[in-house]
N, C-alpha and C. Protein backbone atom coordinates (compact mmCIF):
# COMPACT_ATOMS: atom_id res chain seq x y z
N MET A 1 -60.59 -38.43 -50.52
CA MET A 1 -61.28 -39.34 -49.98
C MET A 1 -60.37 -39.87 -48.81
N ILE A 2 -60.93 -40.34 -47.75
CA ILE A 2 -60.07 -40.76 -46.55
C ILE A 2 -60.60 -42.23 -46.18
N LEU A 3 -59.73 -43.12 -46.25
CA LEU A 3 -59.85 -44.46 -45.92
C LEU A 3 -59.50 -44.75 -44.48
N VAL A 4 -60.52 -45.23 -43.74
CA VAL A 4 -60.25 -45.56 -42.39
C VAL A 4 -60.03 -47.03 -42.09
N GLY A 5 -58.93 -47.37 -41.36
CA GLY A 5 -58.74 -48.78 -41.13
C GLY A 5 -57.28 -49.18 -41.55
N ARG A 6 -56.80 -50.29 -40.81
CA ARG A 6 -55.40 -50.77 -41.16
C ARG A 6 -55.60 -51.99 -42.27
N ASN A 7 -54.38 -52.15 -42.91
CA ASN A 7 -54.30 -53.18 -43.89
C ASN A 7 -54.44 -54.59 -43.27
N LEU A 8 -54.14 -54.78 -41.98
CA LEU A 8 -54.40 -56.10 -41.38
C LEU A 8 -55.86 -56.50 -41.51
N SER A 9 -56.72 -55.48 -41.55
CA SER A 9 -58.09 -55.95 -41.88
C SER A 9 -58.26 -56.20 -43.33
N PRO A 10 -58.66 -57.43 -43.69
CA PRO A 10 -58.72 -57.80 -45.13
C PRO A 10 -59.82 -56.91 -45.87
N TYR A 11 -60.83 -56.60 -45.00
CA TYR A 11 -61.88 -55.67 -45.68
C TYR A 11 -61.36 -54.42 -46.00
N THR A 12 -60.65 -53.83 -45.12
CA THR A 12 -60.00 -52.50 -45.37
C THR A 12 -58.96 -52.70 -46.54
N ARG A 13 -58.16 -53.68 -46.56
CA ARG A 13 -57.09 -53.82 -47.57
C ARG A 13 -57.74 -53.99 -48.89
N ARG A 14 -58.85 -54.77 -49.06
CA ARG A 14 -59.43 -54.91 -50.42
C ARG A 14 -59.89 -53.55 -51.00
N VAL A 15 -60.35 -52.65 -49.98
CA VAL A 15 -60.80 -51.30 -50.53
C VAL A 15 -59.44 -50.51 -50.88
N ALA A 16 -58.47 -50.58 -50.09
CA ALA A 16 -57.11 -49.83 -50.41
C ALA A 16 -56.63 -50.27 -51.81
N VAL A 17 -56.59 -51.62 -51.94
CA VAL A 17 -56.05 -52.06 -53.23
C VAL A 17 -56.93 -51.67 -54.40
N SER A 18 -58.29 -51.69 -54.26
CA SER A 18 -59.04 -51.33 -55.26
C SER A 18 -58.88 -49.82 -55.65
N LEU A 19 -58.88 -48.90 -54.58
CA LEU A 19 -58.59 -47.64 -54.83
C LEU A 19 -57.37 -47.26 -55.66
N ASP A 20 -56.36 -47.99 -55.24
CA ASP A 20 -55.09 -47.83 -55.98
C ASP A 20 -55.16 -48.30 -57.44
N LEU A 21 -55.79 -49.46 -57.56
CA LEU A 21 -55.82 -50.03 -58.97
C LEU A 21 -56.77 -49.04 -59.84
N LEU A 22 -57.82 -48.47 -59.29
CA LEU A 22 -58.58 -47.47 -59.98
C LEU A 22 -57.98 -46.12 -60.15
N GLU A 23 -56.86 -45.96 -59.53
CA GLU A 23 -56.08 -44.72 -59.56
C GLU A 23 -56.85 -43.61 -58.96
N MET A 24 -57.45 -43.79 -57.91
CA MET A 24 -58.29 -42.83 -57.20
C MET A 24 -57.60 -42.38 -55.94
N PRO A 25 -57.02 -41.10 -55.88
CA PRO A 25 -56.30 -40.72 -54.81
C PRO A 25 -57.08 -40.79 -53.36
N PHE A 26 -56.43 -41.15 -52.37
CA PHE A 26 -56.90 -41.10 -51.04
C PHE A 26 -56.05 -40.94 -49.98
N GLU A 27 -56.39 -40.56 -48.87
CA GLU A 27 -55.63 -40.55 -47.56
C GLU A 27 -55.81 -41.63 -46.66
N ARG A 28 -55.10 -41.93 -45.80
CA ARG A 28 -55.33 -43.10 -44.80
C ARG A 28 -55.43 -42.54 -43.30
N ARG A 29 -56.44 -43.20 -42.59
CA ARG A 29 -56.38 -43.08 -41.27
C ARG A 29 -56.34 -44.53 -40.66
N GLU A 30 -55.03 -44.84 -40.48
CA GLU A 30 -54.76 -46.30 -39.93
C GLU A 30 -55.24 -46.54 -38.54
N LEU A 31 -56.49 -46.55 -38.40
CA LEU A 31 -57.00 -46.82 -36.95
C LEU A 31 -57.40 -48.32 -36.78
N ALA A 32 -57.13 -48.81 -35.56
CA ALA A 32 -57.35 -50.17 -35.29
C ALA A 32 -58.66 -50.44 -34.38
N THR A 33 -59.41 -51.47 -34.66
CA THR A 33 -60.63 -51.57 -33.79
C THR A 33 -60.21 -52.03 -32.44
N ALA A 34 -59.08 -52.48 -32.23
CA ALA A 34 -58.84 -53.07 -30.88
C ALA A 34 -58.32 -51.89 -30.03
N THR A 35 -57.81 -50.74 -30.57
CA THR A 35 -57.18 -49.61 -29.85
C THR A 35 -57.79 -48.34 -30.14
N ASP A 36 -58.51 -48.12 -31.19
CA ASP A 36 -58.93 -46.80 -31.68
C ASP A 36 -60.51 -46.79 -31.85
N VAL A 37 -61.22 -47.53 -31.08
CA VAL A 37 -62.59 -47.82 -31.38
C VAL A 37 -63.31 -46.41 -31.33
N GLU A 38 -62.97 -45.43 -30.35
CA GLU A 38 -63.78 -44.27 -30.33
C GLU A 38 -63.48 -43.28 -31.43
N ALA A 39 -62.25 -43.32 -31.95
CA ALA A 39 -61.89 -42.49 -33.09
C ALA A 39 -62.65 -43.11 -34.30
N ILE A 40 -62.68 -44.39 -34.37
CA ILE A 40 -63.43 -45.02 -35.51
C ILE A 40 -64.89 -44.67 -35.53
N LYS A 41 -65.42 -44.66 -34.32
CA LYS A 41 -66.93 -44.21 -34.19
C LYS A 41 -67.21 -42.89 -34.72
N GLY A 42 -66.17 -42.07 -34.92
CA GLY A 42 -66.46 -40.84 -35.53
C GLY A 42 -66.73 -40.87 -36.94
N TYR A 43 -66.38 -42.00 -37.49
CA TYR A 43 -66.70 -42.32 -38.89
C TYR A 43 -67.73 -43.30 -39.11
N ASN A 44 -67.88 -44.28 -38.25
CA ASN A 44 -68.81 -45.28 -38.21
C ASN A 44 -69.29 -45.53 -36.80
N PRO A 45 -70.48 -45.31 -36.44
CA PRO A 45 -70.99 -45.49 -35.08
C PRO A 45 -70.82 -46.91 -34.66
N LEU A 46 -70.80 -47.81 -35.39
CA LEU A 46 -70.62 -49.16 -35.13
C LEU A 46 -69.16 -49.59 -34.67
N GLY A 47 -68.29 -48.64 -34.98
CA GLY A 47 -66.93 -48.88 -34.51
C GLY A 47 -66.16 -49.93 -35.34
N ARG A 48 -66.54 -50.04 -36.67
CA ARG A 48 -66.06 -51.04 -37.54
C ARG A 48 -65.28 -50.40 -38.69
N VAL A 49 -64.44 -51.14 -39.26
CA VAL A 49 -63.67 -50.65 -40.41
C VAL A 49 -63.92 -51.73 -41.62
N PRO A 50 -63.75 -51.22 -42.85
CA PRO A 50 -63.30 -49.92 -43.26
C PRO A 50 -64.57 -48.89 -43.27
N ALA A 51 -64.20 -47.59 -43.30
CA ALA A 51 -65.03 -46.55 -43.75
C ALA A 51 -64.36 -45.60 -44.71
N LEU A 52 -65.12 -45.08 -45.56
CA LEU A 52 -64.47 -44.23 -46.59
C LEU A 52 -65.30 -42.91 -46.64
N GLU A 53 -64.49 -41.80 -46.13
CA GLU A 53 -65.15 -40.53 -46.19
C GLU A 53 -64.93 -39.78 -47.51
N LEU A 54 -66.03 -39.57 -48.25
CA LEU A 54 -66.00 -38.92 -49.52
C LEU A 54 -65.63 -37.46 -49.38
N PRO A 55 -65.18 -36.79 -50.50
CA PRO A 55 -64.79 -35.35 -50.53
C PRO A 55 -65.98 -34.38 -49.91
N ASP A 56 -67.15 -34.89 -50.02
CA ASP A 56 -68.24 -33.93 -49.60
C ASP A 56 -68.59 -34.25 -48.12
N GLY A 57 -67.83 -35.09 -47.52
CA GLY A 57 -68.08 -35.48 -46.03
C GLY A 57 -68.89 -36.63 -45.83
N GLU A 58 -69.63 -37.18 -46.91
CA GLU A 58 -70.51 -38.40 -46.67
C GLU A 58 -69.49 -39.48 -46.46
N VAL A 59 -69.94 -40.42 -45.42
CA VAL A 59 -69.06 -41.65 -45.06
C VAL A 59 -69.80 -42.87 -45.51
N LEU A 60 -69.17 -43.69 -46.21
CA LEU A 60 -69.59 -45.10 -46.71
C LEU A 60 -68.99 -46.14 -45.70
N ILE A 61 -69.73 -47.09 -45.45
CA ILE A 61 -69.30 -48.10 -44.42
C ILE A 61 -69.61 -49.46 -45.12
N GLU A 62 -68.79 -50.51 -44.66
CA GLU A 62 -68.98 -51.82 -45.21
C GLU A 62 -68.22 -51.84 -46.51
N SER A 63 -67.23 -52.87 -46.66
CA SER A 63 -66.36 -52.90 -47.95
C SER A 63 -67.23 -53.22 -49.14
N ALA A 64 -68.24 -54.04 -49.06
CA ALA A 64 -69.08 -54.18 -50.29
C ALA A 64 -69.68 -52.99 -50.81
N ALA A 65 -70.26 -52.15 -49.93
CA ALA A 65 -70.92 -50.91 -50.25
C ALA A 65 -69.88 -49.91 -50.86
N ILE A 66 -68.72 -49.80 -50.21
CA ILE A 66 -67.79 -48.91 -50.67
C ILE A 66 -67.25 -49.28 -52.10
N LEU A 67 -67.03 -50.65 -52.34
CA LEU A 67 -66.50 -51.09 -53.62
C LEU A 67 -67.62 -50.85 -54.70
N ASP A 68 -68.85 -51.10 -54.26
CA ASP A 68 -69.90 -50.78 -55.29
C ASP A 68 -69.78 -49.28 -55.73
N HIS A 69 -69.56 -48.42 -54.75
CA HIS A 69 -69.59 -46.92 -55.14
C HIS A 69 -68.26 -46.70 -56.00
N LEU A 70 -67.24 -47.22 -55.61
CA LEU A 70 -66.11 -47.10 -56.42
C LEU A 70 -66.19 -47.57 -57.96
N ASP A 71 -66.86 -48.69 -58.12
CA ASP A 71 -67.12 -49.06 -59.29
C ASP A 71 -67.98 -48.19 -60.26
N GLU A 72 -68.97 -47.60 -59.48
CA GLU A 72 -69.82 -46.65 -60.15
C GLU A 72 -69.09 -45.45 -60.55
N MET A 73 -68.06 -44.91 -59.71
CA MET A 73 -67.18 -43.80 -60.01
C MET A 73 -66.34 -44.15 -61.23
N ALA A 74 -65.84 -45.43 -61.31
CA ALA A 74 -64.86 -45.72 -62.21
C ALA A 74 -65.43 -45.88 -63.57
N GLY A 75 -66.66 -46.34 -63.61
CA GLY A 75 -67.30 -46.43 -65.03
C GLY A 75 -67.12 -47.81 -65.64
N PRO A 76 -67.82 -48.02 -66.73
CA PRO A 76 -67.89 -49.40 -67.34
C PRO A 76 -66.53 -50.08 -67.67
N GLY A 77 -65.64 -49.23 -68.29
CA GLY A 77 -64.42 -49.74 -68.72
C GLY A 77 -63.38 -50.08 -67.68
N LEU A 78 -63.51 -49.64 -66.52
CA LEU A 78 -62.55 -49.63 -65.41
C LEU A 78 -63.06 -50.56 -64.26
N ARG A 79 -64.31 -50.46 -64.00
CA ARG A 79 -64.88 -51.13 -62.79
C ARG A 79 -64.34 -52.53 -62.65
N LEU A 80 -64.17 -52.96 -61.33
CA LEU A 80 -63.43 -54.21 -60.97
C LEU A 80 -64.50 -55.26 -60.96
N THR A 81 -65.98 -54.93 -60.66
CA THR A 81 -66.95 -55.94 -60.79
C THR A 81 -67.79 -55.63 -61.96
N PRO A 82 -68.00 -56.48 -62.84
CA PRO A 82 -68.86 -56.18 -64.14
C PRO A 82 -70.25 -55.72 -63.60
N ALA A 83 -70.83 -54.87 -64.45
CA ALA A 83 -72.13 -54.32 -64.13
C ALA A 83 -73.28 -55.30 -64.10
N ALA A 84 -73.31 -56.20 -65.04
CA ALA A 84 -74.35 -57.16 -65.11
C ALA A 84 -73.84 -58.43 -65.82
N GLY A 85 -74.85 -59.30 -65.78
CA GLY A 85 -74.59 -60.64 -66.51
C GLY A 85 -73.84 -61.80 -65.79
N PRO A 86 -73.46 -62.75 -66.59
CA PRO A 86 -72.83 -63.95 -65.92
C PRO A 86 -71.49 -63.55 -65.28
N ALA A 87 -70.69 -62.47 -65.94
CA ALA A 87 -69.45 -62.30 -65.30
C ALA A 87 -69.64 -61.69 -63.91
N ARG A 88 -70.64 -60.84 -63.82
CA ARG A 88 -70.89 -60.19 -62.53
C ARG A 88 -71.24 -61.15 -61.55
N ARG A 89 -72.04 -62.16 -61.87
CA ARG A 89 -72.54 -63.23 -60.92
C ARG A 89 -71.26 -63.92 -60.51
N ALA A 90 -70.44 -64.27 -61.51
CA ALA A 90 -69.25 -65.09 -61.28
C ALA A 90 -68.25 -64.35 -60.22
N VAL A 91 -68.13 -63.05 -60.48
CA VAL A 91 -67.18 -62.25 -59.64
C VAL A 91 -67.92 -62.23 -58.15
N MET A 92 -69.08 -62.03 -58.14
CA MET A 92 -69.81 -61.77 -56.79
C MET A 92 -69.81 -63.24 -56.06
N ARG A 93 -69.92 -64.27 -56.80
CA ARG A 93 -69.85 -65.69 -56.22
C ARG A 93 -68.61 -65.93 -55.59
N LEU A 94 -67.46 -65.70 -56.30
CA LEU A 94 -66.14 -65.82 -55.72
C LEU A 94 -65.84 -64.85 -54.56
N CYS A 95 -66.32 -63.70 -54.78
CA CYS A 95 -66.10 -62.70 -53.59
C CYS A 95 -66.87 -63.18 -52.30
N ALA A 96 -68.01 -63.87 -52.51
CA ALA A 96 -68.79 -64.36 -51.42
C ALA A 96 -68.06 -65.56 -50.66
N PHE A 97 -67.41 -66.42 -51.54
CA PHE A 97 -66.59 -67.44 -50.80
C PHE A 97 -65.42 -66.85 -50.09
N ALA A 98 -64.79 -65.87 -50.68
CA ALA A 98 -63.65 -65.29 -50.11
C ALA A 98 -64.05 -64.46 -48.84
N THR A 99 -64.91 -63.62 -48.85
CA THR A 99 -65.35 -62.83 -47.68
C THR A 99 -65.93 -63.85 -46.63
N GLY A 100 -66.54 -64.94 -46.97
CA GLY A 100 -67.02 -65.98 -46.07
C GLY A 100 -65.90 -66.46 -45.27
N ALA A 101 -64.84 -66.83 -46.00
CA ALA A 101 -63.62 -67.31 -45.43
C ALA A 101 -62.85 -66.27 -44.48
N MET A 102 -62.94 -65.03 -44.99
CA MET A 102 -62.54 -63.93 -44.02
C MET A 102 -63.22 -63.95 -42.75
N ASP A 103 -64.55 -64.01 -42.78
CA ASP A 103 -65.44 -63.81 -41.53
C ASP A 103 -65.07 -64.98 -40.71
N LYS A 104 -64.94 -66.32 -41.25
CA LYS A 104 -64.64 -67.33 -40.30
C LYS A 104 -63.27 -67.40 -39.73
N ALA A 105 -62.35 -66.81 -40.58
CA ALA A 105 -61.00 -66.71 -40.04
C ALA A 105 -60.85 -65.76 -38.82
N VAL A 106 -61.51 -64.61 -38.99
CA VAL A 106 -61.67 -63.62 -37.83
C VAL A 106 -62.31 -64.34 -36.69
N GLN A 107 -63.41 -64.95 -36.86
CA GLN A 107 -64.07 -65.65 -35.68
C GLN A 107 -63.13 -66.67 -34.95
N ALA A 108 -62.49 -67.47 -35.80
CA ALA A 108 -61.59 -68.58 -35.25
C ALA A 108 -60.36 -67.86 -34.48
N TYR A 109 -59.89 -66.85 -35.15
CA TYR A 109 -58.77 -66.05 -34.42
C TYR A 109 -59.20 -65.44 -33.13
N TYR A 110 -60.30 -64.74 -33.09
CA TYR A 110 -60.75 -64.24 -31.92
C TYR A 110 -61.19 -65.22 -30.80
N GLU A 111 -61.73 -66.26 -31.24
CA GLU A 111 -62.06 -67.34 -30.32
C GLU A 111 -60.79 -67.89 -29.50
N GLU A 112 -59.77 -68.00 -30.24
CA GLU A 112 -58.47 -68.61 -29.67
C GLU A 112 -57.61 -67.55 -29.01
N THR A 113 -57.71 -66.26 -29.38
CA THR A 113 -56.85 -65.22 -28.84
C THR A 113 -57.37 -64.15 -28.06
N ARG A 114 -58.62 -63.91 -28.18
CA ARG A 114 -59.22 -62.76 -27.59
C ARG A 114 -60.11 -63.07 -26.36
N ARG A 115 -60.68 -64.33 -26.36
CA ARG A 115 -61.58 -64.69 -25.33
C ARG A 115 -60.74 -65.26 -24.14
N PRO A 116 -61.26 -65.06 -22.93
CA PRO A 116 -60.61 -65.64 -21.75
C PRO A 116 -60.36 -67.16 -21.92
N GLU A 117 -59.27 -67.61 -21.60
CA GLU A 117 -58.90 -69.01 -21.88
C GLU A 117 -60.00 -69.93 -21.13
N GLU A 118 -60.58 -69.62 -20.07
CA GLU A 118 -61.48 -70.52 -19.39
C GLU A 118 -62.81 -70.64 -20.12
N VAL A 119 -63.21 -69.68 -21.11
CA VAL A 119 -64.35 -69.82 -21.81
C VAL A 119 -64.22 -69.98 -23.31
N ARG A 120 -62.97 -70.37 -23.63
CA ARG A 120 -62.81 -70.61 -25.17
C ARG A 120 -63.45 -71.85 -25.56
N TRP A 121 -64.00 -71.95 -26.84
CA TRP A 121 -64.54 -73.02 -27.31
C TRP A 121 -63.82 -73.57 -28.43
N PRO A 122 -62.95 -74.60 -28.38
CA PRO A 122 -62.07 -75.02 -29.44
C PRO A 122 -62.87 -75.63 -30.55
N ALA A 123 -63.95 -76.30 -30.30
CA ALA A 123 -64.71 -76.77 -31.43
C ALA A 123 -65.30 -75.76 -32.28
N TYR A 124 -65.63 -74.55 -31.79
CA TYR A 124 -66.08 -73.50 -32.57
C TYR A 124 -64.99 -72.98 -33.45
N ALA A 125 -63.84 -72.77 -32.94
CA ALA A 125 -62.60 -72.29 -33.80
C ALA A 125 -62.35 -73.36 -34.82
N ALA A 126 -62.42 -74.65 -34.52
CA ALA A 126 -62.12 -75.77 -35.48
C ALA A 126 -63.18 -75.77 -36.68
N ARG A 127 -64.43 -75.57 -36.27
CA ARG A 127 -65.62 -75.44 -37.21
C ARG A 127 -65.27 -74.22 -38.09
N GLY A 128 -64.79 -73.11 -37.56
CA GLY A 128 -64.45 -71.89 -38.43
C GLY A 128 -63.41 -72.20 -39.42
N ASP A 129 -62.29 -72.85 -38.87
CA ASP A 129 -61.15 -73.21 -39.69
C ASP A 129 -61.66 -74.19 -40.94
N GLU A 130 -62.51 -75.07 -40.62
CA GLU A 130 -63.07 -75.93 -41.60
C GLU A 130 -63.78 -75.08 -42.75
N GLN A 131 -64.58 -74.17 -42.21
CA GLN A 131 -65.22 -73.28 -43.24
C GLN A 131 -64.37 -72.42 -44.01
N VAL A 132 -63.21 -71.90 -43.36
CA VAL A 132 -62.18 -71.23 -44.11
C VAL A 132 -61.47 -72.12 -45.20
N ARG A 133 -61.18 -73.33 -44.87
CA ARG A 133 -60.71 -74.19 -45.96
C ARG A 133 -61.67 -74.45 -46.99
N ALA A 134 -62.94 -74.57 -46.60
CA ALA A 134 -63.88 -74.81 -47.75
C ALA A 134 -64.02 -73.72 -48.74
N GLY A 135 -63.97 -72.44 -48.18
CA GLY A 135 -64.04 -71.30 -48.97
C GLY A 135 -62.84 -71.17 -49.93
N LEU A 136 -61.59 -71.48 -49.32
CA LEU A 136 -60.37 -71.32 -50.08
C LEU A 136 -60.39 -72.47 -51.21
N SER A 137 -60.92 -73.63 -50.80
CA SER A 137 -60.95 -74.68 -51.81
C SER A 137 -61.87 -74.23 -52.99
N GLU A 138 -62.83 -73.60 -52.92
CA GLU A 138 -63.67 -73.13 -53.93
C GLU A 138 -62.86 -72.12 -54.84
N LEU A 139 -62.11 -71.28 -54.18
CA LEU A 139 -61.27 -70.29 -54.95
C LEU A 139 -60.14 -71.11 -55.72
N GLU A 140 -59.67 -72.08 -55.02
CA GLU A 140 -58.60 -72.84 -55.75
C GLU A 140 -59.27 -73.53 -57.10
N LYS A 141 -60.53 -74.05 -56.96
CA LYS A 141 -61.16 -74.68 -58.19
C LYS A 141 -61.24 -73.61 -59.23
N ALA A 142 -61.66 -72.38 -58.81
CA ALA A 142 -61.84 -71.42 -59.82
C ALA A 142 -60.51 -71.02 -60.47
N ALA A 143 -59.45 -70.88 -59.62
CA ALA A 143 -58.15 -70.52 -60.17
C ALA A 143 -57.67 -71.69 -61.10
N ARG A 144 -57.93 -72.88 -60.87
CA ARG A 144 -57.54 -73.99 -61.77
C ARG A 144 -58.30 -73.90 -63.12
N VAL A 145 -59.48 -73.50 -63.12
CA VAL A 145 -60.30 -73.38 -64.36
C VAL A 145 -59.75 -72.14 -65.13
N ALA A 146 -59.39 -71.18 -64.38
CA ALA A 146 -59.00 -69.90 -65.06
C ALA A 146 -57.51 -70.18 -65.60
N ALA A 147 -56.74 -70.94 -64.97
CA ALA A 147 -55.30 -71.33 -65.45
C ALA A 147 -55.48 -72.19 -66.78
N ASP A 148 -56.42 -73.13 -66.65
CA ASP A 148 -56.53 -73.94 -67.75
C ASP A 148 -57.19 -73.11 -69.05
N GLY A 149 -57.87 -72.23 -68.71
CA GLY A 149 -58.45 -71.34 -69.84
C GLY A 149 -57.54 -70.30 -70.47
N GLY A 150 -56.36 -70.20 -69.78
CA GLY A 150 -55.27 -69.32 -70.41
C GLY A 150 -55.12 -68.04 -69.86
N SER A 151 -56.14 -67.37 -69.29
CA SER A 151 -56.02 -65.96 -68.83
C SER A 151 -55.30 -65.81 -67.56
N GLY A 152 -55.53 -66.76 -66.62
CA GLY A 152 -54.86 -66.74 -65.37
C GLY A 152 -55.70 -65.87 -64.35
N TRP A 153 -56.59 -65.13 -64.80
CA TRP A 153 -57.51 -64.26 -63.88
C TRP A 153 -58.75 -65.02 -63.57
N LEU A 154 -59.35 -64.83 -62.46
CA LEU A 154 -60.52 -65.73 -61.99
C LEU A 154 -61.68 -65.67 -62.93
N VAL A 155 -61.92 -64.44 -63.41
CA VAL A 155 -63.08 -64.24 -64.22
C VAL A 155 -62.69 -63.45 -65.44
N GLY A 156 -62.94 -63.96 -66.62
CA GLY A 156 -62.58 -63.13 -67.85
C GLY A 156 -61.08 -62.95 -68.08
N ASP A 157 -60.75 -61.99 -68.87
CA ASP A 157 -59.42 -61.89 -69.21
C ASP A 157 -58.64 -60.75 -68.59
N ARG A 158 -59.11 -60.24 -67.41
CA ARG A 158 -58.34 -59.17 -66.77
C ARG A 158 -58.63 -59.30 -65.32
N LEU A 159 -57.91 -58.60 -64.44
CA LEU A 159 -58.12 -58.62 -63.10
C LEU A 159 -59.33 -58.01 -62.66
N THR A 160 -60.14 -58.65 -61.74
CA THR A 160 -61.41 -58.24 -61.29
C THR A 160 -61.39 -58.18 -59.80
N GLN A 161 -62.43 -57.80 -59.22
CA GLN A 161 -62.61 -57.84 -57.64
C GLN A 161 -62.44 -59.23 -57.18
N ALA A 162 -62.79 -60.22 -57.97
CA ALA A 162 -62.51 -61.56 -57.50
C ALA A 162 -61.19 -61.93 -57.08
N ASP A 163 -60.25 -61.50 -58.08
CA ASP A 163 -58.62 -61.68 -57.82
C ASP A 163 -58.35 -60.70 -56.57
N VAL A 164 -58.72 -59.58 -56.45
CA VAL A 164 -58.31 -58.70 -55.41
C VAL A 164 -58.82 -59.40 -54.09
N THR A 165 -60.02 -59.82 -54.00
CA THR A 165 -60.54 -60.32 -52.65
C THR A 165 -59.92 -61.73 -52.34
N ALA A 166 -59.75 -62.51 -53.41
CA ALA A 166 -59.16 -63.80 -53.16
C ALA A 166 -57.74 -63.75 -52.60
N THR A 167 -56.96 -62.82 -53.17
CA THR A 167 -55.54 -62.55 -52.89
C THR A 167 -55.54 -61.98 -51.36
N VAL A 168 -56.31 -61.14 -51.10
CA VAL A 168 -56.44 -60.50 -49.80
C VAL A 168 -56.85 -61.43 -48.58
N THR A 169 -57.83 -62.31 -49.11
CA THR A 169 -58.22 -63.39 -48.16
C THR A 169 -57.10 -64.39 -47.79
N LEU A 170 -56.46 -64.81 -48.88
CA LEU A 170 -55.41 -65.83 -48.64
C LEU A 170 -54.24 -65.23 -47.84
N ASP A 171 -53.88 -64.06 -48.04
CA ASP A 171 -52.84 -63.34 -47.31
C ASP A 171 -53.30 -63.34 -45.85
N PHE A 172 -54.55 -63.00 -45.50
CA PHE A 172 -55.07 -62.69 -44.22
C PHE A 172 -55.08 -64.12 -43.50
N VAL A 173 -55.53 -65.15 -44.14
CA VAL A 173 -55.60 -66.44 -43.47
C VAL A 173 -54.28 -66.92 -43.10
N ASN A 174 -53.26 -66.72 -44.01
CA ASN A 174 -51.88 -67.08 -43.69
C ASN A 174 -51.33 -66.26 -42.59
N THR A 175 -51.84 -65.03 -42.37
CA THR A 175 -51.24 -64.26 -41.34
C THR A 175 -51.85 -64.69 -39.93
N VAL A 176 -53.29 -64.71 -39.89
CA VAL A 176 -53.86 -65.00 -38.54
C VAL A 176 -54.13 -66.39 -38.28
N ARG A 177 -54.06 -67.30 -39.23
CA ARG A 177 -54.23 -68.76 -38.92
C ARG A 177 -53.12 -69.50 -39.64
N PRO A 178 -51.83 -69.16 -39.20
CA PRO A 178 -50.64 -69.83 -39.76
C PRO A 178 -50.74 -71.24 -39.64
N GLY A 179 -50.37 -71.99 -40.70
CA GLY A 179 -50.41 -73.46 -40.69
C GLY A 179 -51.71 -74.01 -41.05
N LEU A 180 -52.69 -73.22 -41.14
CA LEU A 180 -54.11 -73.79 -41.50
C LEU A 180 -53.98 -74.27 -43.03
N VAL A 181 -53.22 -73.55 -43.86
CA VAL A 181 -53.08 -73.89 -45.31
C VAL A 181 -51.69 -74.60 -45.31
N ALA A 182 -51.62 -75.88 -45.47
CA ALA A 182 -50.34 -76.61 -45.44
C ALA A 182 -49.52 -76.25 -46.72
N ASP A 183 -48.19 -76.50 -46.56
CA ASP A 183 -47.34 -76.26 -47.74
C ASP A 183 -47.79 -77.08 -48.92
N GLY A 184 -47.98 -76.64 -50.10
CA GLY A 184 -48.32 -77.37 -51.12
C GLY A 184 -49.84 -77.31 -51.48
N ASP A 185 -50.70 -76.88 -50.48
CA ASP A 185 -52.11 -76.82 -50.64
C ASP A 185 -52.33 -75.55 -51.53
N LEU A 186 -53.40 -75.68 -52.22
CA LEU A 186 -53.89 -74.56 -52.98
C LEU A 186 -52.78 -73.87 -53.91
N PRO A 187 -52.05 -74.65 -54.67
CA PRO A 187 -50.96 -74.11 -55.44
C PRO A 187 -51.28 -73.09 -56.54
N VAL A 188 -52.50 -73.34 -57.19
CA VAL A 188 -52.85 -72.39 -58.25
C VAL A 188 -53.38 -71.01 -57.55
N LEU A 189 -54.09 -71.14 -56.48
CA LEU A 189 -54.48 -69.95 -55.76
C LEU A 189 -53.31 -69.13 -55.23
N HIS A 190 -52.25 -69.92 -54.70
CA HIS A 190 -51.07 -69.24 -54.16
C HIS A 190 -50.36 -68.51 -55.44
N ALA A 191 -50.32 -69.25 -56.51
CA ALA A 191 -49.70 -68.70 -57.74
C ALA A 191 -50.50 -67.28 -58.18
N LEU A 192 -51.68 -67.37 -58.13
CA LEU A 192 -52.51 -66.18 -58.44
C LEU A 192 -52.19 -64.99 -57.43
N ALA A 193 -52.15 -65.35 -56.15
CA ALA A 193 -51.85 -64.34 -55.08
C ALA A 193 -50.42 -63.80 -55.37
N ASN A 194 -49.45 -64.65 -55.68
CA ASN A 194 -48.14 -64.14 -55.89
C ASN A 194 -48.09 -63.18 -57.02
N ARG A 195 -48.84 -63.57 -58.07
CA ARG A 195 -48.96 -62.57 -59.31
C ARG A 195 -49.51 -61.33 -58.83
N CYS A 196 -50.63 -61.31 -58.14
CA CYS A 196 -51.28 -60.02 -57.65
C CYS A 196 -50.32 -59.27 -56.82
N ASN A 197 -49.74 -60.05 -55.76
CA ASN A 197 -48.83 -59.31 -54.79
C ASN A 197 -47.63 -58.64 -55.45
N ALA A 198 -47.29 -59.06 -56.60
CA ALA A 198 -46.14 -58.36 -57.29
C ALA A 198 -46.61 -57.03 -57.82
N LEU A 199 -47.85 -56.72 -57.93
CA LEU A 199 -48.39 -55.52 -58.48
C LEU A 199 -48.24 -54.48 -57.39
N PRO A 200 -47.96 -53.18 -57.59
CA PRO A 200 -47.68 -52.17 -56.57
C PRO A 200 -48.82 -51.97 -55.66
N ALA A 201 -50.15 -52.02 -56.24
CA ALA A 201 -51.25 -51.85 -55.37
C ALA A 201 -51.37 -52.85 -54.33
N PHE A 202 -51.00 -53.99 -54.49
CA PHE A 202 -50.98 -55.09 -53.53
C PHE A 202 -49.82 -55.02 -52.65
N ALA A 203 -48.60 -54.83 -53.27
CA ALA A 203 -47.34 -54.85 -52.48
C ALA A 203 -47.37 -53.68 -51.48
N ARG A 204 -47.93 -52.54 -51.77
CA ARG A 204 -48.00 -51.47 -50.89
C ARG A 204 -48.84 -51.71 -49.69
N THR A 205 -49.79 -52.64 -49.76
CA THR A 205 -50.71 -52.78 -48.71
C THR A 205 -50.57 -54.12 -47.92
N ARG A 206 -49.41 -54.88 -48.11
CA ARG A 206 -49.34 -56.09 -47.35
C ARG A 206 -49.03 -55.88 -45.94
N PRO A 207 -49.86 -56.46 -45.08
CA PRO A 207 -49.67 -56.21 -43.65
C PRO A 207 -48.44 -56.74 -43.11
């Protein structure tokens, strides 16, 4: 398999981490949307990452669809998102908060750094930052419940896609919106991210 995209993209990174955790060998094409859009279009006509080329040449796009396929390949005992029931809904709910925060962090970052200064909309970026904080706050609440329950993982007694995506999101926000999360904020979520980032699959992919 070939994974297209750089680890600075949190969507790409969560796929890379998941592939590694599931012990699925893959190659990398570290293409950036800012500089390599034409090459990326060879995999995804939208010019977006990640894309995952399967051994038979089929290309999957969008991280959620890619992760769903990886779970199908992994099978019931290894999949990172449970197949059904309350645990599946819990993982997907937390992933939705995390990816929502990712989306808003990207928008705020682009508003302040990529648009011409004369047409920037500071209130739009500030609103995005507020939504990022809201998403991270929900992850902090879940991390606190998990810590109180003893397992330390967001859902159940083992690492799931919720932990992967929460960690990737927090790292991304701290990279592109430095200072948005003040020192001492989200202590339990930061502890979870530190625990995950100590694992080889996360450490190898930190941007």
